[in-house]
Amino acid sequence: MKYKNIKQAKFLSRPNRFIANIEIDGKTEICHVKNTGRCKELLVPNANIFVQEIDSKKRKTKYDLISVYKGRRLVNIDSQAPNKVFYEWVKVGNLFKGITSVKPEYKYKNSRFDFYIETIKAKTLVEVKGVTLEENGAALFPDAPTERGLKHVIELSECIKEGFETYIIFIIQMKDVLYFTPNVKMHKAFAEALTRAEKQGVKIIALDSHVTEDSIIVGDFVEVRVDDI
């Protein structure tokens, strides 16, 4: 996934979850934050960031916040990126072989899952989650309570009974993490549901990402740890 019109800037403050004040080209500007999570360990004053300049008269802000440096590690915080990079990765034959159909935003009963993937052997429902929180080498999700995420985990477990294969894919929006684990401290119910889901047959996969100032692509598989929850 490539971005156009990327510029370097400094993060100043975040008045609310949608807006950040940034310094760019010697001026203070308002920037749209493409992530409603907390990102408190990332969005700290004077953090080096990359923003995308958007030329549109319909917008209230001129920039979108795309990524931020945490030390030497560049972290993509665009919440729309995980689904896009997973789609790019899976459609060329990664993870599933013999794909005959890939349908994003697939409605099934009372739910809408990120992807329906059909192969010559199986019908699969996939939910993709973006991960931007890292602590001591561990990638953690969520960074804020997620009732929607909890609902998806429970529903994917139910879909197995109806003949689907089901996957939860955690796209870690950075490199150089040691493993992925659910964030018990932030949302215990989600962590417990994820553990139950794995025991019931939901496949849980974590993938890291190669992140540059103007791109993000799927990298390597990352160890998933849920057994100790």
Foldseek 3Di string as FASTA:
>chain_A
DFAPQKDKWFWAAAPAQQWTWIADPNDTFIEGEQASFDCVLFRDGGWIFMWHADDDPVDPGRIYTAWTDDDPWIFGRRFVPFLVQVCVVPVVPPPDPQWDDWDAQPDDDPDTAGIWIDGPVFTETEHEGEWRDDDPQETEPDSADDPPLLVVLVVQLVVVVVGHAYEYEYEYRIDRGAAYAYDCVRYVSSLVSNLVSVVSHYHYWYWYWDDDSTDIHTDGTHHYDSVVD
